[in-house]
Amino acid sequence: AVLQMLSHGLIAAALFFLAGVTYDRTHTLMMDEMGGIAKIMPK
């Protein structure tokens, strides 16, 4: 349980940060409006 707190803290922070990175480029959070972004944003 304690390790889950530490682990999820790191993982969730990474996911939400990268969601923000994606939003900065696409200007949307709706996944059905996205697609093919890997070709433009491989990193």
PDB file of all heavy atoms in Angstrom:
ATOM      1  N   ALA A   1       0.828  -1.206   0.000  1.00  0.00           N
ATOM      2  CA  ALA A   1       0.000   0.000   0.000  1.00  0.00           C
ATOM      3  C   ALA A   1       0.864   1.258   0.000  1.00  0.00           C
ATOM      4  O   ALA A   1       0.586   2.223  -0.726  1.00  0.00           O
ATOM      5  CB  ALA A   1      -0.937  -0.006   1.209  1.00  0.00           C
ATOM      6  N   VAL A   2       1.917   1.265   0.828  1.00  0.00           N
ATOM      7  CA  VAL A   2       2.810   2.428   0.866  1.00  0.00           C
ATOM      8  C   VAL A   2       3.554   2.563  -0.457  1.00  0.00           C
ATOM      9  O   VAL A   2       3.702   3.672  -1.003  1.00  0.00           O
ATOM     10  CB  VAL A   2       3.802   2.320   2.037  1.00  0.00           C
ATOM     11  CG1 VAL A   2       4.763   3.503   2.041  1.00  0.00           C
ATOM     12  CG2 VAL A   2       3.048   2.255   3.369  1.00  0.00           C
ATOM     13  N   LEU A   3       4.023   1.436  -1.008  1.00  0.00           N
ATOM     14  CA  LEU A   3       4.715   1.491  -2.295  1.00  0.00           C
ATOM     15  C   LEU A   3       3.775   1.953  -3.404  1.00  0.00           C
ATOM     16  O   LEU A   3       4.190   2.661  -4.329  1.00  0.00           O
ATOM     17  CB  LEU A   3       5.291   0.121  -2.637  1.00  0.00           C
ATOM     18  CG  LEU A   3       6.161   0.056  -3.903  1.00  0.00           C
ATOM     19  CD1 LEU A   3       7.336   1.024  -3.800  1.00  0.00           C
ATOM     20  CD2 LEU A   3       6.651  -1.364  -4.147  1.00  0.00           C
ATOM     21  N   GLN A   4       2.503   1.582  -3.314  1.00  0.00           N
ATOM     22  CA  GLN A   4       1.525   2.035  -4.302  1.00  0.00           C
ATOM     23  C   GLN A   4       1.360   3.550  -4.250  1.00  0.00           C
ATOM     24  O   GLN A   4       1.200   4.204  -5.287  1.00  0.00           O
ATOM     25  CB  GLN A   4       0.178   1.347  -4.066  1.00  0.00           C
ATOM     26  CG  GLN A   4      -0.944   1.770  -5.001  1.00  0.00           C
ATOM     27  CD  GLN A   4      -0.805   1.201  -6.402  1.00  0.00           C
ATOM     28  OE1 GLN A   4       0.247   0.709  -6.796  1.00  0.00           O
ATOM     29  NE2 GLN A   4      -1.873   1.285  -7.183  1.00  0.00           N
ATOM     30  N   MET A   5       1.417   4.125  -3.048  1.00  0.00           N
ATOM     31  CA  MET A   5       1.330   5.577  -2.934  1.00  0.00           C
ATOM     32  C   MET A   5       2.510   6.239  -3.637  1.00  0.00           C
ATOM     33  O   MET A   5       2.348   7.210  -4.386  1.00  0.00           O
ATOM     34  CB  MET A   5       1.286   5.998  -1.458  1.00  0.00           C
ATOM     35  CG  MET A   5      -0.043   5.716  -0.768  1.00  0.00           C
ATOM     36  SD  MET A   5      -0.191   6.538   0.826  1.00  0.00           S
ATOM     37  CE  MET A   5       0.619   5.367   1.889  1.00  0.00           C
ATOM     38  N   LEU A   6       3.709   5.718  -3.399  1.00  0.00           N
ATOM     39  CA  LEU A   6       4.892   6.297  -4.024  1.00  0.00           C
ATOM     40  C   LEU A   6       4.881   6.072  -5.533  1.00  0.00           C
ATOM     41  O   LEU A   6       5.142   6.990  -6.321  1.00  0.00           O
ATOM     42  CB  LEU A   6       6.153   5.693  -3.411  1.00  0.00           C
ATOM     43  CG  LEU A   6       6.344   5.885  -1.901  1.00  0.00           C
ATOM     44  CD1 LEU A   6       7.556   5.101  -1.410  1.00  0.00           C
ATOM     45  CD2 LEU A   6       6.492   7.353  -1.557  1.00  0.00           C
ATOM     46  N   SER A   7       4.574   4.849  -5.932  1.00  0.00           N
ATOM     47  CA  SER A   7       4.586   4.498  -7.341  1.00  0.00           C
ATOM     48  C   SER A   7       3.540   5.279  -8.124  1.00  0.00           C
ATOM     49  O   SER A   7       3.836   5.863  -9.178  1.00  0.00           O
ATOM     50  CB  SER A   7       4.343   2.991  -7.496  1.00  0.00           C
ATOM     51  OG  SER A   7       4.153   2.641  -8.844  1.00  0.00           O
ATOM     52  N   HIS A   8       2.322   5.306  -7.627  1.00  0.00           N
ATOM     53  CA  HIS A   8       1.261   6.020  -8.340  1.00  0.00           C
ATOM     54  C   HIS A   8       1.549   7.509  -8.392  1.00  0.00           C
ATOM     55  O   HIS A   8       1.202   8.183  -9.378  1.00  0.00           O
ATOM     56  CB  HIS A   8      -0.094   5.775  -7.687  1.00  0.00           C
ATOM     57  CG  HIS A   8      -1.218   6.492  -8.376  1.00  0.00           C
ATOM     58  ND1 HIS A   8      -1.660   7.737  -7.979  1.00  0.00           N
ATOM     59  CD2 HIS A   8      -1.963   6.156  -9.455  1.00  0.00           C
ATOM     60  CE1 HIS A   8      -2.635   8.129  -8.773  1.00  0.00           C
ATOM     61  NE2 HIS A   8      -2.838   7.199  -9.677  1.00  0.00           N
ATOM     62  N   GLY A   9       2.167   8.042  -7.347  1.00  0.00           N
ATOM     63  CA  GLY A   9       2.515   9.458  -7.375  1.00  0.00           C
ATOM     64  C   GLY A   9       3.405   9.787  -8.558  1.00  0.00           C
ATOM     65  O   GLY A   9       3.186  10.782  -9.268  1.00  0.00           O
ATOM     66  N   LEU A  10       4.397   8.949  -8.810  1.00  0.00           N
ATOM     67  CA  LEU A  10       5.310   9.173  -9.936  1.00  0.00           C
ATOM     68  C   LEU A  10       4.612   8.943 -11.274  1.00  0.00           C
ATOM     69  O   LEU A  10       4.734   9.745 -12.207  1.00  0.00           O
ATOM     70  CB  LEU A  10       6.512   8.240  -9.808  1.00  0.00           C
ATOM     71  CG  LEU A  10       7.416   8.444  -8.582  1.00  0.00           C
ATOM     72  CD1 LEU A  10       8.376   7.273  -8.434  1.00  0.00           C
ATOM     73  CD2 LEU A  10       8.183   9.749  -8.686  1.00  0.00           C
ATOM     74  N   ILE A  11       3.863   7.832 -11.366  1.00  0.00           N
ATOM     75  CA  ILE A  11       3.224   7.474 -12.635  1.00  0.00           C
ATOM     76  C   ILE A  11       2.153   8.487 -13.021  1.00  0.00           C
ATOM     77  O   ILE A  11       2.086   8.940 -14.174  1.00  0.00           O
ATOM     78  CB  ILE A  11       2.630   6.058 -12.548  1.00  0.00           C
ATOM     79  CG1 ILE A  11       3.739   5.027 -12.348  1.00  0.00           C
ATOM     80  CG2 ILE A  11       1.810   5.742 -13.799  1.00  0.00           C
ATOM     81  CD1 ILE A  11       3.234   3.636 -12.010  1.00  0.00           C
ATOM     82  N   ALA A  12       1.289   8.841 -12.063  1.00  0.00           N
ATOM     83  CA  ALA A  12       0.203   9.772 -12.367  1.00  0.00           C
ATOM     84  C   ALA A  12       0.743  11.144 -12.738  1.00  0.00           C
ATOM     85  O   ALA A  12       0.217  11.804 -13.650  1.00  0.00           O
ATOM     86  CB  ALA A  12      -0.745   9.877 -11.174  1.00  0.00           C
ATOM     87  N   ALA A  13       1.784  11.580 -12.047  1.00  0.00           N
ATOM     88  CA  ALA A  13       2.387  12.873 -12.385  1.00  0.00           C
ATOM     89  C   ALA A  13       2.919  12.862 -13.817  1.00  0.00           C
ATOM     90  O   ALA A  13       2.745  13.835 -14.566  1.00  0.00           O
ATOM     91  CB  ALA A  13       3.502  13.212 -11.400  1.00  0.00           C
ATOM     92  N   ALA A  14       3.551  11.764 -14.210  1.00  0.00           N
ATOM     93  CA  ALA A  14       4.067  11.655 -15.576  1.00  0.00           C
ATOM     94  C   ALA A  14       2.936  11.666 -16.596  1.00  0.00           C
ATOM     95  O   ALA A  14       3.011  12.353 -17.628  1.00  0.00           O
ATOM     96  CB  ALA A  14       4.901  10.382 -15.714  1.00  0.00           C
ATOM     97  N   LEU A  15       1.873  10.914 -16.337  1.00  0.00           N
ATOM     98  CA  LEU A  15       0.763  10.832 -17.283  1.00  0.00           C
ATOM     99  C   LEU A  15       0.066  12.180 -17.450  1.00  0.00           C
ATOM    100  O   LEU A  15      -0.236  12.599 -18.578  1.00  0.00           O
ATOM    101  CB  LEU A  15      -0.236   9.767 -16.827  1.00  0.00           C
ATOM    102  CG  LEU A  15       0.191   8.306 -17.026  1.00  0.00           C
ATOM    103  CD1 LEU A  15      -0.775   7.367 -16.323  1.00  0.00           C
ATOM    104  CD2 LEU A  15       0.261   7.966 -18.514  1.00  0.00           C
ATOM    105  N   PHE A  16      -0.196  12.852 -16.345  1.00  0.00           N
ATOM    106  CA  PHE A  16      -0.891  14.142 -16.446  1.00  0.00           C
ATOM    107  C   PHE A  16       0.007  15.199 -17.086  1.00  0.00           C
ATOM    108  O   PHE A  16      -0.479  16.066 -17.818  1.00  0.00           O
ATOM    109  CB  PHE A  16      -1.369  14.595 -15.071  1.00  0.00           C
ATOM    110  CG  PHE A  16      -2.671  13.961 -14.664  1.00  0.00           C
ATOM    111  CD1 PHE A  16      -2.702  12.976 -13.685  1.00  0.00           C
ATOM    112  CD2 PHE A  16      -3.859  14.339 -15.254  1.00  0.00           C
ATOM    113  CE1 PHE A  16      -3.895  12.383 -13.311  1.00  0.00           C
ATOM    114  CE2 PHE A  16      -5.055  13.754 -14.891  1.00  0.00           C
ATOM    115  CZ  PHE A  16      -5.071  12.768 -13.919  1.00  0.00           C
ATOM    116  N   PHE A  17       1.284  15.140 -16.809  1.00  0.00           N
ATOM    117  CA  PHE A  17       2.195  16.086 -17.462  1.00  0.00           C
ATOM    118  C   PHE A  17       2.200  15.873 -18.969  1.00  0.00           C
ATOM    119  O   PHE A  17       2.110  16.838 -19.750  1.00  0.00           O
ATOM    120  CB  PHE A  17       3.604  15.932 -16.902  1.00  0.00           C
ATOM    121  CG  PHE A  17       4.637  16.683 -17.695  1.00  0.00           C
ATOM    122  CD1 PHE A  17       4.652  18.074 -17.697  1.00  0.00           C
ATOM    123  CD2 PHE A  17       5.571  16.005 -18.476  1.00  0.00           C
ATOM    124  CE1 PHE A  17       5.598  18.775 -18.452  1.00  0.00           C
ATOM    125  CE2 PHE A  17       6.506  16.697 -19.222  1.00  0.00           C
ATOM    126  CZ  PHE A  17       6.523  18.079 -19.213  1.00  0.00           C
ATOM    127  N   LEU A  18       2.293  14.618 -19.404  1.00  0.00           N
ATOM    128  CA  LEU A  18       2.326  14.333 -20.840  1.00  0.00           C
ATOM    129  C   LEU A  18       0.983  14.612 -21.502  1.00  0.00           C
ATOM    130  O   LEU A  18       0.930  14.978 -22.681  1.00  0.00           O
ATOM    131  CB  LEU A  18       2.758  12.883 -21.056  1.00  0.00           C
ATOM    132  CG  LEU A  18       4.215  12.602 -20.660  1.00  0.00           C
ATOM    133  CD1 LEU A  18       4.503  11.115 -20.631  1.00  0.00           C
ATOM    134  CD2 LEU A  18       5.176  13.311 -21.617  1.00  0.00           C
ATOM    135  N   ALA A  19      -0.100  14.459 -20.743  1.00  0.00           N
ATOM    136  CA  ALA A  19      -1.402  14.867 -21.272  1.00  0.00           C
ATOM    137  C   ALA A  19      -1.408  16.369 -21.529  1.00  0.00           C
ATOM    138  O   ALA A  19      -1.978  16.838 -22.529  1.00  0.00           O
ATOM    139  CB  ALA A  19      -2.510  14.486 -20.296  1.00  0.00           C
ATOM    140  N   GLY A  20      -0.761  17.116 -20.639  1.00  0.00           N
ATOM    141  CA  GLY A  20      -0.647  18.553 -20.848  1.00  0.00           C
ATOM    142  C   GLY A  20       0.219  18.896 -22.051  1.00  0.00           C
ATOM    143  O   GLY A  20      -0.085  19.823 -22.809  1.00  0.00           O
ATOM    144  N   VAL A  21       1.297  18.127 -22.240  1.00  0.00           N
ATOM    145  CA  VAL A  21       2.153  18.331 -23.410  1.00  0.00           C
ATOM    146  C   VAL A  21       1.353  18.109 -24.688  1.00  0.00           C
ATOM    147  O   VAL A  21       1.447  18.882 -25.656  1.00  0.00           O
ATOM    148  CB  VAL A  21       3.368  17.377 -23.354  1.00  0.00           C
ATOM    149  CG1 VAL A  21       4.152  17.409 -24.667  1.00  0.00           C
ATOM    150  CG2 VAL A  21       4.281  17.744 -22.188  1.00  0.00           C
ATOM    151  N   THR A  22       0.535  17.054 -24.690  1.00  0.00           N
ATOM    152  CA  THR A  22      -0.304  16.766 -25.859  1.00  0.00           C
ATOM    153  C   THR A  22      -1.329  17.868 -26.083  1.00  0.00           C
ATOM    154  O   THR A  22      -1.561  18.300 -27.219  1.00  0.00           O
ATOM    155  CB  THR A  22      -1.012  15.418 -25.662  1.00  0.00           C
ATOM    156  OG1 THR A  22      -0.046  14.400 -25.433  1.00  0.00           O
ATOM    157  CG2 THR A  22      -1.834  15.058 -26.892  1.00  0.00           C
ATOM    158  N   TYR A  23      -1.927  18.343 -25.019  1.00  0.00           N
ATOM    159  CA  TYR A  23      -2.938  19.404 -25.148  1.00  0.00           C
ATOM    160  C   TYR A  23      -2.332  20.697 -25.694  1.00  0.00           C
ATOM    161  O   TYR A  23      -2.968  21.397 -26.499  1.00  0.00           O
ATOM    162  CB  TYR A  23      -3.575  19.669 -23.783  1.00  0.00           C
ATOM    163  CG  TYR A  23      -4.552  20.825 -23.793  1.00  0.00           C
ATOM    164  CD1 TYR A  23      -5.833  20.674 -24.310  1.00  0.00           C
ATOM    165  CD2 TYR A  23      -4.183  22.071 -23.297  1.00  0.00           C
ATOM    166  CE1 TYR A  23      -6.726  21.736 -24.341  1.00  0.00           C
ATOM    167  CE2 TYR A  23      -5.064  23.143 -23.318  1.00  0.00           C
ATOM    168  CZ  TYR A  23      -6.333  22.960 -23.842  1.00  0.00           C
ATOM    169  OH  TYR A  23      -7.207  24.022 -23.875  1.00  0.00           O
ATOM    170  N   ASP A  24      -1.101  20.994 -25.275  1.00  0.00           N
ATOM    171  CA  ASP A  24      -0.444  22.207 -25.764  1.00  0.00           C
ATOM    172  C   ASP A  24      -0.301  22.197 -27.284  1.00  0.00           C
ATOM    173  O   ASP A  24      -0.292  23.251 -27.920  1.00  0.00           O
ATOM    174  CB  ASP A  24       0.935  22.361 -25.124  1.00  0.00           C
ATOM    175  CG  ASP A  24       0.852  22.751 -23.655  1.00  0.00           C
ATOM    176  OD1 ASP A  24      -0.217  23.229 -23.243  1.00  0.00           O
ATOM    177  OD2 ASP A  24       1.849  22.551 -22.934  1.00  0.00           O
ATOM    178  N   ARG A  25      -0.170  20.993 -27.870  1.00  0.00           N
ATOM    179  CA  ARG A  25      -0.008  20.894 -29.327  1.00  0.00           C
ATOM    180  C   ARG A  25      -1.333  20.769 -30.064  1.00  0.00           C
ATOM    181  O   ARG A  25      -1.499  21.325 -31.140  1.00  0.00           O
ATOM    182  CB  ARG A  25       0.852  19.669 -29.671  1.00  0.00           C
ATOM    183  CG  ARG A  25       2.349  19.925 -29.647  1.00  0.00           C
ATOM    184  CD  ARG A  25       2.889  20.138 -28.266  1.00  0.00           C
ATOM    185  NE  ARG A  25       4.350  20.207 -28.267  1.00  0.00           N
ATOM    186  CZ  ARG A  25       5.060  20.419 -27.179  1.00  0.00           C
ATOM    187  NH1 ARG A  25       4.466  20.574 -25.994  1.00  0.00           N
ATOM    188  NH2 ARG A  25       6.376  20.489 -27.246  1.00  0.00           N
ATOM    189  N   THR A  26      -2.257  20.003 -29.495  1.00  0.00           N
ATOM    190  CA  THR A  26      -3.508  19.707 -30.204  1.00  0.00           C
ATOM    191  C   THR A  26      -4.642  20.646 -29.830  1.00  0.00           C
ATOM    192  O   THR A  26      -5.632  20.732 -30.560  1.00  0.00           O
ATOM    193  CB  THR A  26      -3.948  18.271 -29.895  1.00  0.00           C
ATOM    194  OG1 THR A  26      -4.225  18.154 -28.490  1.00  0.00           O
ATOM    195  CG2 THR A  26      -2.854  17.271 -30.277  1.00  0.00           C
ATOM    196  N   HIS A  27      -4.516  21.289 -28.669  1.00  0.00           N
ATOM    197  CA  HIS A  27      -5.549  22.206 -28.170  1.00  0.00           C
ATOM    198  C   HIS A  27      -6.886  21.505 -27.933  1.00  0.00           C
ATOM    199  O   HIS A  27      -7.950  22.120 -28.040  1.00  0.00           O
ATOM    200  CB  HIS A  27      -5.736  23.395 -29.119  1.00  0.00           C
ATOM    201  CG  HIS A  27      -4.451  24.074 -29.469  1.00  0.00           C
ATOM    202  ND1 HIS A  27      -3.712  24.780 -28.547  1.00  0.00           N
ATOM    203  CD2 HIS A  27      -3.744  24.106 -30.632  1.00  0.00           C
ATOM    204  CE1 HIS A  27      -2.611  25.257 -29.133  1.00  0.00           C
ATOM    205  NE2 HIS A  27      -2.608  24.859 -30.387  1.00  0.00           N
ATOM    206  N   THR A  28      -6.821  20.215 -27.635  1.00  0.00           N
ATOM    207  CA  THR A  28      -8.024  19.467 -27.279  1.00  0.00           C
ATOM    208  C   THR A  28      -7.632  18.324 -26.359  1.00  0.00           C
ATOM    209  O   THR A  28      -6.503  17.819 -26.410  1.00  0.00           O
ATOM    210  CB  THR A  28      -8.736  18.905 -28.522  1.00  0.00           C
ATOM    211  OG1 THR A  28      -9.923  18.199 -28.114  1.00  0.00           O
ATOM    212  CG2 THR A  28      -7.835  17.932 -29.290  1.00  0.00           C
ATOM    213  N   LEU A  29      -8.578  17.918 -25.504  1.00  0.00           N
ATOM    214  CA  LEU A  29      -8.392  16.755 -24.641  1.00  0.00           C
ATOM    215  C   LEU A  29      -9.294  15.601 -25.062  1.00  0.00           C
ATOM    216  O   LEU A  29      -9.268  14.542 -24.442  1.00  0.00           O
ATOM    217  CB  LEU A  29      -8.688  17.125 -23.183  1.00  0.00           C
ATOM    218  CG  LEU A  29      -7.646  18.009 -22.487  1.00  0.00           C
ATOM    219  CD1 LEU A  29      -8.163  18.474 -21.134  1.00  0.00           C
ATOM    220  CD2 LEU A  29      -6.317  17.267 -22.312  1.00  0.00           C
ATOM    221  N   MET A  30     -10.103  15.804 -26.087  1.00  0.00           N
ATOM    222  CA  MET A  30     -11.035  14.773 -26.554  1.00  0.00           C
ATOM    223  C   MET A  30     -10.285  13.795 -27.455  1.00  0.00           C
ATOM    224  O   MET A  30      -9.778  14.161 -28.525  1.00  0.00           O
ATOM    225  CB  MET A  30     -12.208  15.404 -27.287  1.00  0.00           C
ATOM    226  CG  MET A  30     -12.969  16.425 -26.459  1.00  0.00           C
ATOM    227  SD  MET A  30     -13.498  15.792 -24.833  1.00  0.00           S
ATOM    228  CE  MET A  30     -14.646  14.511 -25.353  1.00  0.00           C
ATOM    229  N   MET A  31     -10.214  12.548 -27.026  1.00  0.00           N
ATOM    230  CA  MET A  31      -9.417  11.563 -27.757  1.00  0.00           C
ATOM    231  C   MET A  31     -10.014  11.231 -29.119  1.00  0.00           C
ATOM    232  O   MET A  31      -9.286  10.880 -30.049  1.00  0.00           O
ATOM    233  CB  MET A  31      -9.273  10.295 -26.910  1.00  0.00           C
ATOM    234  CG  MET A  31      -8.411  10.503 -25.670  1.00  0.00           C
ATOM    235  SD  MET A  31      -8.181   9.003 -24.709  1.00  0.00           S
ATOM    236  CE  MET A  31      -9.838   8.781 -24.058  1.00  0.00           C
ATOM    237  N   ASP A  32     -11.335  11.327 -29.250  1.00  0.00           N
ATOM    238  CA  ASP A  32     -11.938  11.038 -30.548  1.00  0.00           C
ATOM    239  C   ASP A  32     -11.669  12.133 -31.572  1.00  0.00           C
ATOM    240  O   ASP A  32     -12.000  11.990 -32.750  1.00  0.00           O
ATOM    241  CB  ASP A  32     -13.441  10.811 -30.405  1.00  0.00           C
ATOM    242  CG  ASP A  32     -14.154  11.960 -29.713  1.00  0.00           C
ATOM    243  OD1 ASP A  32     -13.475  12.936 -29.312  1.00  0.00           O
ATOM    244  OD2 ASP A  32     -15.383  11.896 -29.558  1.00  0.00           O
ATOM    245  N   GLU A  33     -11.061  13.243 -31.137  1.00  0.00           N
ATOM    246  CA  GLU A  33     -10.669  14.307 -32.058  1.00  0.00           C
ATOM    247  C   GLU A  33      -9.185  14.240 -32.405  1.00  0.00           C
ATOM    248  O   GLU A  33      -8.685  15.072 -33.161  1.00  0.00           O
ATOM    249  CB  GLU A  33     -10.986  15.675 -31.446  1.00  0.00           C
ATOM    250  CG  GLU A  33     -12.463  15.907 -31.177  1.00  0.00           C
ATOM    251  CD  GLU A  33     -12.729  17.234 -30.478  1.00  0.00           C
ATOM    252  OE1 GLU A  33     -11.754  17.973 -30.232  1.00  0.00           O
ATOM    253  OE2 GLU A  33     -13.904  17.517 -30.179  1.00  0.00           O
ATOM    254  N   MET A  34      -8.477  13.270 -31.800  1.00  0.00           N
ATOM    255  CA  MET A  34      -7.044  13.137 -32.056  1.00  0.00           C
ATOM    256  C   MET A  34      -6.800  11.990 -33.037  1.00  0.00           C
ATOM    257  O   MET A  34      -7.711  11.487 -33.685  1.00  0.00           O
ATOM    258  CB  MET A  34      -6.296  12.894 -30.741  1.00  0.00           C
ATOM    259  CG  MET A  34      -6.477  13.988 -29.702  1.00  0.00           C
ATOM    260  SD  MET A  34      -5.481  13.669 -28.235  1.00  0.00           S
ATOM    261  CE  MET A  34      -6.151  14.869 -27.094  1.00  0.00           C
ATOM    262  N   GLY A  35      -5.552  11.537 -33.087  1.00  0.00           N
ATOM    263  CA  GLY A  35      -5.180  10.438 -33.959  1.00  0.00           C
ATOM    264  C   GLY A  35      -3.914  10.741 -34.725  1.00  0.00           C
ATOM    265  O   GLY A  35      -3.702  11.859 -35.202  1.00  0.00           O
ATOM    266  N   GLY A  36      -3.050   9.732 -34.842  1.00  0.00           N
ATOM    267  CA  GLY A  36      -1.856   9.869 -35.644  1.00  0.00           C
ATOM    268  C   GLY A  36      -0.806  10.820 -35.107  1.00  0.00           C
ATOM    269  O   GLY A  36       0.105  11.233 -35.847  1.00  0.00           O
ATOM    270  N   ILE A  37      -0.893  11.168 -33.836  1.00  0.00           N
ATOM    271  CA  ILE A  37       0.033  12.162 -33.293  1.00  0.00           C
ATOM    272  C   ILE A  37       1.449  11.606 -33.176  1.00  0.00           C
ATOM    273  O   ILE A  37       2.425  12.358 -33.145  1.00  0.00           O
ATOM    274  CB  ILE A  37      -0.485  12.661 -31.922  1.00  0.00           C
ATOM    275  CG1 ILE A  37      -1.848  13.331 -32.095  1.00  0.00           C
ATOM    276  CG2 ILE A  37       0.485  13.638 -31.281  1.00  0.00           C
ATOM    277  CD1 ILE A  37      -2.465  13.782 -30.798  1.00  0.00           C
ATOM    278  N   ALA A  38       1.591  10.280 -33.130  1.00  0.00           N
ATOM    279  CA  ALA A  38       2.926   9.684 -32.999  1.00  0.00           C
ATOM    280  C   ALA A  38       3.846  10.102 -34.132  1.00  0.00           C
ATOM    281  O   ALA A  38       5.064  10.217 -33.943  1.00  0.00           O
ATOM    282  CB  ALA A  38       2.817   8.162 -32.941  1.00  0.00           C
ATOM    283  N   LYS A  39       3.293  10.341 -35.311  1.00  0.00           N
ATOM    284  CA  LYS A  39       4.120  10.739 -36.457  1.00  0.00           C
ATOM    285  C   LYS A  39       4.670  12.147 -36.278  1.00  0.00           C
ATOM    286  O   LYS A  39       5.739  12.465 -36.799  1.00  0.00           O
ATOM    287  CB  LYS A  39       3.274  10.676 -37.735  1.00  0.00           C
ATOM    288  CG  LYS A  39       2.765   9.281 -38.069  1.00  0.00           C
ATOM    289  CD  LYS A  39       1.900   9.305 -39.314  1.00  0.00           C
ATOM    290  CE  LYS A  39       1.352   7.912 -39.631  1.00  0.00           C
ATOM    291  NZ  LYS A  39       0.490   7.933 -40.836  1.00  0.00           N
ATOM    292  N   ILE A  40       3.929  12.982 -35.557  1.00  0.00           N
ATOM    293  CA  ILE A  40       4.330  14.370 -35.370  1.00  0.00           C
ATOM    294  C   ILE A  40       5.105  14.552 -34.070  1.00  0.00           C
ATOM    295  O   ILE A  40       5.990  15.392 -33.979  1.00  0.00           O
ATOM    296  CB  ILE A  40       3.076  15.280 -35.372  1.00  0.00           C
ATOM    297  CG1 ILE A  40       2.286  15.051 -36.657  1.00  0.00           C
ATOM    298  CG2 ILE A  40       3.443  16.746 -35.228  1.00  0.00           C
ATOM    299  CD1 ILE A  40       0.910  15.675 -36.639  1.00  0.00           C
ATOM    300  N   MET A  41       4.788  13.735 -33.054  1.00  0.00           N
ATOM    301  CA  MET A  41       5.384  13.874 -31.733  1.00  0.00           C
ATOM    302  C   MET A  41       5.954  12.529 -31.264  1.00  0.00           C
ATOM    303  O   MET A  41       5.448  11.932 -30.315  1.00  0.00           O
ATOM    304  CB  MET A  41       4.331  14.377 -30.738  1.00  0.00           C
ATOM    305  CG  MET A  41       3.673  15.690 -31.120  1.00  0.00           C
ATOM    306  SD  MET A  41       2.212  16.063 -30.099  1.00  0.00           S
ATOM    307  CE  MET A  41       2.912  16.017 -28.452  1.00  0.00           C
ATOM    308  N   PRO A  42       6.978  12.014 -31.893  1.00  0.00           N
ATOM    309  CA  PRO A  42       7.506  10.687 -31.518  1.00  0.00           C
ATOM    310  C   PRO A  42       8.063  10.625 -30.099  1.00  0.00           C
ATOM    311  O   PRO A  42       7.936   9.596 -29.423  1.00  0.00           O
ATOM    312  CB  PRO A  42       8.597  10.424 -32.564  1.00  0.00           C
ATOM    313  CG  PRO A  42       8.956  11.775 -33.094  1.00  0.00           C
ATOM    314  CD  PRO A  42       7.707  12.585 -33.038  1.00  0.00           C
ATOM    315  N   LYS A  43       8.694  11.699 -29.636  1.00  0.00           N
ATOM    316  CA  LYS A  43       9.236  11.686 -28.270  1.00  0.00           C
ATOM    317  C   LYS A  43       8.105  11.637 -27.245  1.00  0.00           C
ATOM    318  O   LYS A  43       8.161  10.846 -26.283  1.00  0.00           O
ATOM    319  CB  LYS A  43      10.095  12.926 -28.033  1.00  0.00           C
ATOM    320  CG  LYS A  43      11.364  12.978 -28.877  1.00  0.00           C
ATOM    321  CD  LYS A  43      12.126  14.269 -28.616  1.00  0.00           C
ATOM    322  CE  LYS A  43      13.343  14.383 -29.527  1.00  0.00           C
ATOM    323  NZ  LYS A  43      14.049  15.678 -29.331  1.00  0.00           N
TER     324      LYS A  43
END
